[in-house]
PDB file of N, CA and C in Angstrom:
ATOM      1  N   MET A   1      87.050  72.475 101.585  1.00  0.00           N
ATOM      2  CA  MET A   1      86.673  72.675 102.962  1.00  0.00           C
ATOM      3  C   MET A   1      85.425  71.858 103.228  1.00  0.00           C
ATOM      4  N   THR A   2      85.359  71.217 104.348  1.00  0.00           N
ATOM      5  CA  THR A   2      84.214  70.405 104.710  1.00  0.00           C
ATOM      6  C   THR A   2      83.477  71.052 105.866  1.00  0.00           C
ATOM      7  N   PHE A   3      82.170  71.183 105.728  1.00  0.00           N
ATOM      8  CA  PHE A   3      81.342  71.707 106.797  1.00  0.00           C
ATOM      9  C   PHE A   3      80.635  70.535 107.445  1.00  0.00           C
ATOM     10  N   GLN A   4      80.611  70.518 108.756  1.00  0.00           N
ATOM     11  CA  GLN A   4      79.853  69.497 109.448  1.00  0.00           C
ATOM     12  C   GLN A   4      78.596  70.177 109.961  1.00  0.00           C
ATOM     13  N   ILE A   5      77.483  69.792 109.413  1.00  0.00           N
ATOM     14  CA  ILE A   5      76.232  70.464 109.710  1.00  0.00           C
ATOM     15  C   ILE A   5      75.385  69.556 110.585  1.00  0.00           C
ATOM     16  N   THR A   6      75.005  70.077 111.742  1.00  0.00           N
ATOM     17  CA  THR A   6      74.234  69.270 112.682  1.00  0.00           C
ATOM     18  C   THR A   6      72.837  69.811 112.900  1.00  0.00           C
ATOM     19  N   ASN A   7      72.512  70.966 112.332  1.00  0.00           N
ATOM     20  CA  ASN A   7      71.157  71.488 112.483  1.00  0.00           C
ATOM     21  C   ASN A   7      70.753  72.298 111.253  1.00  0.00           C
ATOM     22  N   ILE A   8      69.479  72.518 111.146  1.00  0.00           N
ATOM     23  CA  ILE A   8      68.923  73.192 109.978  1.00  0.00           C
ATOM     24  C   ILE A   8      69.396  74.638 109.892  1.00  0.00           C
ATOM     25  N   ALA A   9      69.473  75.320 111.024  1.00  0.00           N
ATOM     26  CA  ALA A   9      69.871  76.735 111.022  1.00  0.00           C
ATOM     27  C   ALA A   9      71.265  76.927 110.434  1.00  0.00           C
ATOM     28  N   SER A  10      72.202  76.052 110.784  1.00  0.00           N
ATOM     29  CA  SER A  10      73.562  76.204 110.252  1.00  0.00           C
ATOM     30  C   SER A  10      73.594  75.906 108.754  1.00  0.00           C
ATOM     31  N   TYR A  11      72.786  74.968 108.312  1.00  0.00           N
ATOM     32  CA  TYR A  11      72.709  74.660 106.885  1.00  0.00           C
ATOM     33  C   TYR A  11      72.175  75.865 106.110  1.00  0.00           C
ATOM     34  N   CYS A  12      71.117  76.477 106.618  1.00  0.00           N
ATOM     35  CA  CYS A  12      70.532  77.651 105.968  1.00  0.00           C
ATOM     36  C   CYS A  12      71.523  78.798 105.914  1.00  0.00           C
ATOM     37  N   LYS A  13      72.273  78.990 106.983  1.00  0.00           N
ATOM     38  CA  LYS A  13      73.246  80.082 107.034  1.00  0.00           C
ATOM     39  C   LYS A  13      74.327  79.900 105.969  1.00  0.00           C
ATOM     40  N   ILE A  14      74.816  78.683 105.806  1.00  0.00           N
ATOM     41  CA  ILE A  14      75.846  78.407 104.801  1.00  0.00           C
ATOM     42  C   ILE A  14      75.306  78.649 103.391  1.00  0.00           C
ATOM     43  N   CYS A  15      74.114  78.144 103.116  1.00  0.00           N
ATOM     44  CA  CYS A  15      73.521  78.335 101.785  1.00  0.00           C
ATOM     45  C   CYS A  15      73.257  79.807 101.505  1.00  0.00           C
ATOM     46  N   ASN A  16      72.748  80.508 102.498  1.00  0.00           N
ATOM     47  CA  ASN A  16      72.451  81.927 102.348  1.00  0.00           C
ATOM     48  C   ASN A  16      73.719  82.725 102.073  1.00  0.00           C
ATOM     49  N   SER A  17      74.771  82.439 102.818  1.00  0.00           N
ATOM     50  CA  SER A  17      76.026  83.172 102.619  1.00  0.00           C
ATOM     51  C   SER A  17      76.599  82.891 101.233  1.00  0.00           C
ATOM     52  N   ALA A  18      76.475  81.665 100.757  1.00  0.00           N
ATOM     53  CA  ALA A  18      76.992  81.314  99.428  1.00  0.00           C
ATOM     54  C   ALA A  18      76.245  82.060  98.330  1.00  0.00           C
ATOM     55  N   LEU A  19      74.928  82.167  98.468  1.00  0.00           N
ATOM     56  CA  LEU A  19      74.136  82.877  97.457  1.00  0.00           C
ATOM     57  C   LEU A  19      74.555  84.343  97.380  1.00  0.00           C
ATOM     58  N   PHE A  20      74.629  85.007  98.516  1.00  0.00           N
ATOM     59  CA  PHE A  20      74.962  86.429  98.508  1.00  0.00           C
ATOM     60  C   PHE A  20      76.431  86.673  98.180  1.00  0.00           C
ATOM     61  N   HIS A  21      77.296  85.737  98.529  1.00  0.00           N
ATOM     62  CA  HIS A  21      78.708  85.826  98.148  1.00  0.00           C
ATOM     63  C   HIS A  21      78.822  85.887  96.622  1.00  0.00           C
ATOM     64  N   CYS A  22      78.066  85.041  95.943  1.00  0.00           N
ATOM     65  CA  CYS A  22      78.114  84.992  94.477  1.00  0.00           C
ATOM     66  C   CYS A  22      77.460  86.214  93.835  1.00  0.00           C
ATOM     67  N   ALA A  23      76.609  86.905  94.576  1.00  0.00           N
ATOM     68  CA  ALA A  23      75.950  88.099  94.045  1.00  0.00           C
ATOM     69  C   ALA A  23      76.790  89.355  94.240  1.00  0.00           C
ATOM     70  N   SER A  24      77.824  89.269  95.044  1.00  0.00           N
ATOM     71  CA  SER A  24      78.652  90.426  95.368  1.00  0.00           C
ATOM     72  C   SER A  24      79.455  90.906  94.168  1.00  0.00           C
ATOM     73  N   ASN A  25      79.684  92.210  94.111  1.00  0.00           N
ATOM     74  CA  ASN A  25      80.511  92.786  93.051  1.00  0.00           C
ATOM     75  C   ASN A  25      81.225  94.032  93.568  1.00  0.00           C
ATOM     76  N   LYS A  26      81.945  94.704  92.691  1.00  0.00           N
ATOM     77  CA  LYS A  26      82.728  95.880  93.093  1.00  0.00           C
ATOM     78  C   LYS A  26      81.866  96.969  93.713  1.00  0.00           C
ATOM     79  N   LYS A  27      80.700  97.189  93.145  1.00  0.00           N
ATOM     80  CA  LYS A  27      79.834  98.268  93.612  1.00  0.00           C
ATOM     81  C   LYS A  27      78.992  97.880  94.819  1.00  0.00           C
ATOM     82  N   LYS A  28      78.712  96.591  94.961  1.00  0.00           N
ATOM     83  CA  LYS A  28      77.801  96.138  96.009  1.00  0.00           C
ATOM     84  C   LYS A  28      78.378  94.897  96.687  1.00  0.00           C
ATOM     85  N   SER A  29      79.104  95.127  97.768  1.00  0.00           N
ATOM     86  CA  SER A  29      79.695  94.015  98.508  1.00  0.00           C
ATOM     87  C   SER A  29      78.616  93.328  99.341  1.00  0.00           C
ATOM     88  N   MET A  30      78.510  92.021  99.197  1.00  0.00           N
ATOM     89  CA  MET A  30      77.497  91.260  99.924  1.00  0.00           C
ATOM     90  C   MET A  30      78.144  90.101 100.681  1.00  0.00           C
ATOM     91  N   HIS A  31      79.289  90.375 101.283  1.00  0.00           N
ATOM     92  CA  HIS A  31      80.026  89.338 102.002  1.00  0.00           C
ATOM     93  C   HIS A  31      79.747  89.346 103.504  1.00  0.00           C
ATOM     94  N   GLY A  32      78.759  90.111 103.931  1.00  0.00           N
ATOM     95  CA  GLY A  32      78.454  90.240 105.355  1.00  0.00           C
ATOM     96  C   GLY A  32      78.017  88.948 106.019  1.00  0.00           C
ATOM     97  N   GLN A  33      77.506  88.007 105.250  1.00  0.00           N
ATOM     98  CA  GLN A  33      77.051  86.741 105.821  1.00  0.00           C
ATOM     99  C   GLN A  33      78.071  85.623 105.640  1.00  0.00           C
ATOM    100  N   CYS A  34      79.157  85.911 104.947  1.00  0.00           N
ATOM    101  CA  CYS A  34      80.215  84.913 104.749  1.00  0.00           C
ATOM    102  C   CYS A  34      80.957  84.692 106.069  1.00  0.00           C
ATOM    103  N   PRO A  35      81.482  83.487 106.282  1.00  0.00           N
ATOM    104  CA  PRO A  35      82.262  83.224 107.496  1.00  0.00           C
ATOM    105  C   PRO A  35      83.483  84.140 107.550  1.00  0.00           C
ATOM    106  N   ILE A  36      83.782  84.649 108.735  1.00  0.00           N
ATOM    107  CA  ILE A  36      84.920  85.557 108.871  1.00  0.00           C
ATOM    108  C   ILE A  36      86.161  84.793 109.321  1.00  0.00           C
ATOM    109  N   GLY A  37      87.315  85.396 109.096  1.00  0.00           N
ATOM    110  CA  GLY A  37      88.570  84.824 109.569  1.00  0.00           C
ATOM    111  C   GLY A  37      89.486  84.362 108.457  1.00  0.00           C
ATOM    112  N   LYS A  38      90.695  84.011 108.862  1.00  0.00           N
ATOM    113  CA  LYS A  38      91.732  83.601 107.910  1.00  0.00           C
ATOM    114  C   LYS A  38      91.412  82.286 107.214  1.00  0.00           C
ATOM    115  N   GLU A  39      90.601  81.452 107.829  1.00  0.00           N
ATOM    116  CA  GLU A  39      90.261  80.144 107.265  1.00  0.00           C
ATOM    117  C   GLU A  39      88.955  80.162 106.470  1.00  0.00           C
ATOM    118  N   SER A  40      88.352  81.332 106.294  1.00  0.00           N
ATOM    119  CA  SER A  40      87.088  81.444 105.575  1.00  0.00           C
ATOM    120  C   SER A  40      87.252  81.017 104.119  1.00  0.00           C
ATOM    121  N   TRP A  41      86.206  80.440 103.539  1.00  0.00           N
ATOM    122  CA  TRP A  41      86.241  80.108 102.116  1.00  0.00           C
ATOM    123  C   TRP A  41      86.011  81.357 101.266  1.00  0.00           C
ATOM    124  N   CYS A  42      85.618  82.452 101.901  1.00  0.00           N
ATOM    125  CA  CYS A  42      85.350  83.707 101.206  1.00  0.00           C
ATOM    126  C   CYS A  42      86.640  84.520 101.072  1.00  0.00           C
ATOM    127  N   PHE A  43      87.050  84.793  99.832  1.00  0.00           N
ATOM    128  CA  PHE A  43      88.294  85.543  99.602  1.00  0.00           C
ATOM    129  C   PHE A  43      88.234  86.921 100.247  1.00  0.00           C
ATOM    130  N   TYR A  44      87.067  87.534 100.267  1.00  0.00           N
ATOM    131  CA  TYR A  44      86.887  88.870 100.831  1.00  0.00           C
ATOM    132  C   TYR A  44      87.164  88.849 102.339  1.00  0.00           C
ATOM    133  N   GLN A  45      86.550  87.887 103.032  1.00  0.00           N
ATOM    134  CA  GLN A  45      86.750  87.777 104.483  1.00  0.00           C
ATOM    135  C   GLN A  45      88.181  87.355 104.814  1.00  0.00           C
ATOM    136  N   GLN A  46      88.794  86.529 103.977  1.00  0.00           N
ATOM    137  CA  GLN A  46      90.203  86.154 104.172  1.00  0.00           C
ATOM    138  C   GLN A  46      91.096  87.380 104.070  1.00  0.00           C
ATOM    139  N   ALA A  47      90.839  88.211 103.066  1.00  0.00           N
ATOM    140  CA  ALA A  47      91.653  89.416 102.867  1.00  0.00           C
ATOM    141  C   ALA A  47      91.545  90.350 104.063  1.00  0.00           C
ATOM    142  N   ILE A  48      90.349  90.537 104.582  1.00  0.00           N
ATOM    143  CA  ILE A  48      90.165  91.387 105.760  1.00  0.00           C
ATOM    144  C   ILE A  48      90.947  90.824 106.937  1.00  0.00           C
ATOM    145  N   ALA A  49      90.822  89.521 107.166  1.00  0.00           N
ATOM    146  CA  ALA A  49      91.503  88.884 108.298  1.00  0.00           C
ATOM    147  C   ALA A  49      93.022  88.961 108.179  1.00  0.00           C
ATOM    148  N   ASN A  50      93.520  88.949 106.960  1.00  0.00           N
ATOM    149  CA  ASN A  50      94.969  88.991 106.733  1.00  0.00           C
ATOM    150  C   ASN A  50      95.496  90.404 106.498  1.00  0.00           C
ATOM    151  N   GLY A  51      94.614  91.404 106.588  1.00  0.00           N
ATOM    152  CA  GLY A  51      95.023  92.790 106.400  1.00  0.00           C
ATOM    153  C   GLY A  51      95.463  93.115 104.985  1.00  0.00           C
ATOM    154  N   LYS A  52      94.919  92.405 104.018  1.00  0.00           N
ATOM    155  CA  LYS A  52      95.293  92.622 102.614  1.00  0.00           C
ATOM    156  C   LYS A  52      94.272  93.513 101.912  1.00  0.00           C
ATOM    157  N   THR A  53      94.693  94.072 100.804  1.00  0.00           N
ATOM    158  CA  THR A  53      93.804  94.874  99.978  1.00  0.00           C
ATOM    159  C   THR A  53      92.785  93.953  99.316  1.00  0.00           C
ATOM    160  N   ILE A  54      91.544  94.375  99.348  1.00  0.00           N
ATOM    161  CA  ILE A  54      90.467  93.567  98.777  1.00  0.00           C
ATOM    162  C   ILE A  54      90.263  93.978  97.326  1.00  0.00           C
ATOM    163  N   ILE A  55      90.387  93.003  96.454  1.00  0.00           N
ATOM    164  CA  ILE A  55      90.172  93.249  95.028  1.00  0.00           C
ATOM    165  C   ILE A  55      88.997  92.389  94.580  1.00  0.00           C
ATOM    166  N   GLU A  56      87.868  93.024  94.398  1.00  0.00           N
ATOM    167  CA  GLU A  56      86.664  92.328  93.936  1.00  0.00           C
ATOM    168  C   GLU A  56      86.745  92.268  92.425  1.00  0.00           C
ATOM    169  N   LYS A  57      86.996  91.071  91.889  1.00  0.00           N
ATOM    170  CA  LYS A  57      87.219  90.949  90.452  1.00  0.00           C
ATOM    171  C   LYS A  57      86.028  90.394  89.683  1.00  0.00           C
ATOM    172  N   TYR A  58      84.992  89.986  90.378  1.00  0.00           N
ATOM    173  CA  TYR A  58      83.833  89.402  89.712  1.00  0.00           C
ATOM    174  C   TYR A  58      82.727  90.436  89.539  1.00  0.00           C
ATOM    175  N   THR A  59      81.915  90.227  88.526  1.00  0.00           N
ATOM    176  CA  THR A  59      80.780  91.117  88.305  1.00  0.00           C
ATOM    177  C   THR A  59      79.593  90.728  89.171  1.00  0.00           C
ATOM    178  N   GLY A  60      79.617  89.542  89.728  1.00  0.00           N
ATOM    179  CA  GLY A  60      78.526  89.082  90.578  1.00  0.00           C
ATOM    180  C   GLY A  60      77.296  88.714  89.768  1.00  0.00           C
ATOM    181  N   LEU A  61      76.344  88.126  90.448  1.00  0.00           N
ATOM    182  CA  LEU A  61      75.091  87.777  89.786  1.00  0.00           C
ATOM    183  C   LEU A  61      74.278  89.042  89.561  1.00  0.00           C
ATOM    184  N   PRO A  62      73.708  89.199  88.385  1.00  0.00           N
ATOM    185  CA  PRO A  62      72.827  90.350  88.161  1.00  0.00           C
ATOM    186  C   PRO A  62      71.611  90.265  89.091  1.00  0.00           C
ATOM    187  N   ASN A  63      71.050  91.418  89.457  1.00  0.00           N
ATOM    188  CA  ASN A  63      69.898  91.440  90.358  1.00  0.00           C
ATOM    189  C   ASN A  63      68.725  90.640  89.812  1.00  0.00           C
ATOM    190  N   ASP A  64      68.531  90.659  88.495  1.00  0.00           N
ATOM    191  CA  ASP A  64      67.439  89.887  87.897  1.00  0.00           C
ATOM    192  C   ASP A  64      67.592  88.400  88.205  1.00  0.00           C
ATOM    193  N   ILE A  65      68.806  87.895  88.076  1.00  0.00           N
ATOM    194  CA  ILE A  65      69.076  86.479  88.347  1.00  0.00           C
ATOM    195  C   ILE A  65      68.955  86.198  89.839  1.00  0.00           C
ATOM    196  N   LEU A  66      69.493  87.088  90.662  1.00  0.00           N
ATOM    197  CA  LEU A  66      69.406  86.925  92.114  1.00  0.00           C
ATOM    198  C   LEU A  66      67.945  86.868  92.558  1.00  0.00           C
ATOM    199  N   ASN A  67      67.117  87.725  91.995  1.00  0.00           N
ATOM    200  CA  ASN A  67      65.697  87.738  92.354  1.00  0.00           C
ATOM    201  C   ASN A  67      64.974  86.470  91.915  1.00  0.00           C
ATOM    202  N   ILE A  68      65.447  85.838  90.859  1.00  0.00           N
ATOM    203  CA  ILE A  68      64.879  84.556  90.427  1.00  0.00           C
ATOM    204  C   ILE A  68      65.345  83.439  91.358  1.00  0.00           C
ATOM    205  N   MET A  69      66.609  83.507  91.764  1.00  0.00           N
ATOM    206  CA  MET A  69      67.185  82.436  92.582  1.00  0.00           C
ATOM    207  C   MET A  69      66.711  82.457  94.035  1.00  0.00           C
ATOM    208  N   LYS A  70      66.445  83.632  94.585  1.00  0.00           N
ATOM    209  CA  LYS A  70      66.054  83.737  95.999  1.00  0.00           C
ATOM    210  C   LYS A  70      64.859  82.854  96.355  1.00  0.00           C
ATOM    211  N   PRO A  71      63.744  82.914  95.599  1.00  0.00           N
ATOM    212  CA  PRO A  71      62.604  82.064  95.955  1.00  0.00           C
ATOM    213  C   PRO A  71      62.930  80.567  95.879  1.00  0.00           C
ATOM    214  N   VAL A  72      63.775  80.195  94.927  1.00  0.00           N
ATOM    215  CA  VAL A  72      64.173  78.786  94.805  1.00  0.00           C
ATOM    216  C   VAL A  72      64.956  78.369  96.045  1.00  0.00           C
ATOM    217  N   TYR A  73      65.913  79.207  96.460  1.00  0.00           N
ATOM    218  CA  TYR A  73      66.678  78.924  97.673  1.00  0.00           C
ATOM    219  C   TYR A  73      65.754  78.827  98.878  1.00  0.00           C
ATOM    220  N   LEU A  74      64.819  79.761  99.011  1.00  0.00           N
ATOM    221  CA  LEU A  74      63.903  79.746 100.153  1.00  0.00           C
ATOM    222  C   LEU A  74      63.064  78.476 100.175  1.00  0.00           C
ATOM    223  N   GLU A  75      62.641  78.037  99.011  1.00  0.00           N
ATOM    224  CA  GLU A  75      61.862  76.801  98.934  1.00  0.00           C
ATOM    225  C   GLU A  75      62.710  75.593  99.341  1.00  0.00           C
ATOM    226  N   LEU A  76      63.965  75.591  98.914  1.00  0.00           N
ATOM    227  CA  LEU A  76      64.858  74.485  99.270  1.00  0.00           C
ATOM    228  C   LEU A  76      65.202  74.476 100.756  1.00  0.00           C
ATOM    229  N   TRP A  77      65.052  75.619 101.408  1.00  0.00           N
ATOM    230  CA  TRP A  77      65.362  75.706 102.839  1.00  0.00           C
ATOM    231  C   TRP A  77      64.173  75.395 103.727  1.00  0.00           C
ATOM    232  N   SER A  78      63.076  74.912 103.183  1.00  0.00           N
ATOM    233  CA  SER A  78      61.911  74.626 104.019  1.00  0.00           C
ATOM    234  C   SER A  78      62.287  73.590 105.075  1.00  0.00           C
ATOM    235  N   ARG A  79      61.761  73.785 106.273  1.00  0.00           N
ATOM    236  CA  ARG A  79      62.104  72.900 107.398  1.00  0.00           C
ATOM    237  C   ARG A  79      61.793  71.437 107.085  1.00  0.00           C
ATOM    238  N   ASP A  80      60.657  71.199 106.459  1.00  0.00           N
ATOM    239  CA  ASP A  80      60.268  69.819 106.155  1.00  0.00           C
ATOM    240  C   ASP A  80      61.270  69.150 105.224  1.00  0.00           C
ATOM    241  N   LEU A  81      61.679  69.872 104.198  1.00  0.00           N
ATOM    242  CA  LEU A  81      62.629  69.313 103.239  1.00  0.00           C
ATOM    243  C   LEU A  81      64.000  69.102 103.877  1.00  0.00           C
ATOM    244  N   LEU A  82      64.466  70.093 104.617  1.00  0.00           N
ATOM    245  CA  LEU A  82      65.787  69.981 105.239  1.00  0.00           C
ATOM    246  C   LEU A  82      65.826  68.912 106.323  1.00  0.00           C
ATOM    247  N   GLN A  83      64.720  68.735 107.034  1.00  0.00           N
ATOM    248  CA  GLN A  83      64.683  67.720 108.086  1.00  0.00           C
ATOM    249  C   GLN A  83      64.925  66.331 107.496  1.00  0.00           C
ATOM    250  N   LYS A  84      64.490  66.114 106.264  1.00  0.00           N
ATOM    251  CA  LYS A  84      64.709  64.832 105.599  1.00  0.00           C
ATOM    252  C   LYS A  84      66.186  64.606 105.291  1.00  0.00           C
ATOM    253  N   CYS A  85      66.930  65.710 105.146  1.00  0.00           N
ATOM    254  CA  CYS A  85      68.358  65.612 104.830  1.00  0.00           C
ATOM    255  C   CYS A  85      69.215  65.385 106.065  1.00  0.00           C
ATOM    256  N   LEU A  86      68.709  65.764 107.218  1.00  0.00           N
ATOM    257  CA  LEU A  86      69.502  65.680 108.444  1.00  0.00           C
ATOM    258  C   LEU A  86      69.247  64.362 109.163  1.00  0.00           C
ATOM    259  N   HIS A  87      70.125  63.443 108.997  1.00  0.00           N
ATOM    260  CA  HIS A  87      70.069  62.176 109.725  1.00  0.00           C
ATOM    261  C   HIS A  87      71.298  62.141 110.605  1.00  0.00           C
ATOM    262  N   GLY A  88      71.204  62.689 111.804  1.00  0.00           N
ATOM    263  CA  GLY A  88      72.364  62.800 112.678  1.00  0.00           C
ATOM    264  C   GLY A  88      73.221  63.957 112.236  1.00  0.00           C
ATOM    265  N   LYS A  89      74.181  63.687 111.376  1.00  0.00           N
ATOM    266  CA  LYS A  89      75.083  64.733 110.894  1.00  0.00           C
ATOM    267  C   LYS A  89      75.127  64.686 109.379  1.00  0.00           C
ATOM    268  N   LEU A  90      75.016  65.834 108.795  1.00  0.00           N
ATOM    269  CA  LEU A  90      75.095  65.955 107.345  1.00  0.00           C
ATOM    270  C   LEU A  90      76.420  66.605 107.007  1.00  0.00           C
ATOM    271  N   ARG A  91      77.165  65.990 106.141  1.00  0.00           N
ATOM    272  CA  ARG A  91      78.441  66.580 105.721  1.00  0.00           C
ATOM    273  C   ARG A  91      78.253  67.176 104.340  1.00  0.00           C
ATOM    274  N   MET A  92      78.661  68.401 104.223  1.00  0.00           N
ATOM    275  CA  MET A  92      78.555  69.071 102.932  1.00  0.00           C
ATOM    276  C   MET A  92      79.931  69.602 102.579  1.00  0.00           C
ATOM    277  N   GLN A  93      80.454  69.142 101.482  1.00  0.00           N
ATOM    278  CA  GLN A  93      81.755  69.624 101.039  1.00  0.00           C
ATOM    279  C   GLN A  93      81.517  70.725 100.023  1.00  0.00           C
ATOM    280  N   MET A  94      82.111  71.854 100.285  1.00  0.00           N
ATOM    281  CA  MET A  94      81.917  72.978  99.385  1.00  0.00           C
ATOM    282  C   MET A  94      83.280  73.562  99.046  1.00  0.00           C
ATOM    283  N   LYS A  95      83.753  73.288  97.872  1.00  0.00           N
ATOM    284  CA  LYS A  95      85.028  73.841  97.434  1.00  0.00           C
ATOM    285  C   LYS A  95      84.754  75.169  96.755  1.00  0.00           C
ATOM    286  N   LYS A  96      85.477  76.163  97.187  1.00  0.00           N
ATOM    287  CA  LYS A  96      85.255  77.529  96.713  1.00  0.00           C
ATOM    288  C   LYS A  96      85.216  77.609  95.192  1.00  0.00           C
ATOM    289  N   GLU A  97      86.224  77.098  94.549  1.00  0.00           N
ATOM    290  CA  GLU A  97      86.309  77.221  93.103  1.00  0.00           C
ATOM    291  C   GLU A  97      85.187  76.460  92.410  1.00  0.00           C
ATOM    292  N   SER A  98      84.922  75.266  92.865  1.00  0.00           N
ATOM    293  CA  SER A  98      83.908  74.434  92.238  1.00  0.00           C
ATOM    294  C   SER A  98      82.521  75.035  92.400  1.00  0.00           C
ATOM    295  N   PHE A  99      82.184  75.408  93.613  1.00  0.00           N
ATOM    296  CA  PHE A  99      80.852  75.939  93.883  1.00  0.00           C
ATOM    297  C   PHE A  99      80.619  77.248  93.143  1.00  0.00           C
ATOM    298  N   ASN A 100      81.532  78.187  93.321  1.00  0.00           N
ATOM    299  CA  ASN A 100      81.375  79.490  92.679  1.00  0.00           C
ATOM    300  C   ASN A 100      81.378  79.363  91.163  1.00  0.00           C
ATOM    301  N   GLY A 101      82.299  78.586  90.635  1.00  0.00           N
ATOM    302  CA  GLY A 101      82.400  78.428  89.192  1.00  0.00           C
ATOM    303  C   GLY A 101      81.164  77.787  88.601  1.00  0.00           C
ATOM    304  N   THR A 102      80.682  76.752  89.232  1.00  0.00           N
ATOM    305  CA  THR A 102      79.501  76.058  88.735  1.00  0.00           C
ATOM    306  C   THR A 102      78.284  76.967  88.771  1.00  0.00           C
ATOM    307  N   GLU A 103      78.103  77.652  89.893  1.00  0.00           N
ATOM    308  CA  GLU A 103      76.931  78.516  90.018  1.00  0.00           C
ATOM    309  C   GLU A 103      76.997  79.681  89.034  1.00  0.00           C
ATOM    310  N   ARG A 104      78.153  80.283  88.903  1.00  0.00           N
ATOM    311  CA  ARG A 104      78.301  81.406  87.968  1.00  0.00           C
ATOM    312  C   ARG A 104      78.088  80.949  86.523  1.00  0.00           C
ATOM    313  N   ASN A 105      78.698  79.817  86.158  1.00  0.00           N
ATOM    314  CA  ASN A 105      78.548  79.325  84.787  1.00  0.00           C
ATOM    315  C   ASN A 105      77.104  78.972  84.479  1.00  0.00           C
ATOM    316  N   PHE A 106      76.425  78.370  85.450  1.00  0.00           N
ATOM    317  CA  PHE A 106      75.036  77.987  85.248  1.00  0.00           C
ATOM    318  C   PHE A 106      74.150  79.222  85.099  1.00  0.00           C
ATOM    319  N   CYS A 107      74.359  80.194  85.965  1.00  0.00           N
ATOM    320  CA  CYS A 107      73.488  81.372  85.974  1.00  0.00           C
ATOM    321  C   CYS A 107      73.814  82.367  84.875  1.00  0.00           C
ATOM    322  N   LEU A 108      75.080  82.503  84.577  1.00  0.00           N
ATOM    323  CA  LEU A 108      75.474  83.522  83.610  1.00  0.00           C
ATOM    324  C   LEU A 108      75.684  82.965  82.210  1.00  0.00           C
ATOM    325  N   GLY A 109      75.669  81.632  82.102  1.00  0.00           N
ATOM    326  CA  GLY A 109      75.781  80.981  80.805  1.00  0.00           C
ATOM    327  C   GLY A 109      77.087  81.208  80.203  1.00  0.00           C
TER     328      GLY A 109
END
């Protein structure tokens, strides 16, 4: 899926939703910031839109790891840094399997 990002706020929203999506688990669903609808990259939001049973199969990021990652994400979202990335339109390709798998493997080892 390709996102066409034209402003800093939309970029921050996508990054924020991805972080919390990866932190979600059976006991603590954190898909509230994920895009909704049948075309969402979030399996949870897709299931809701399609009226299917939601099966959360991942353990999610542990809170310790999430608490370490949050400040890093916030630093990367600084307006000055993001403004350097936005030259007209920024295209960010985020494939569900690649992004989630890479982040989980990196964080969980």
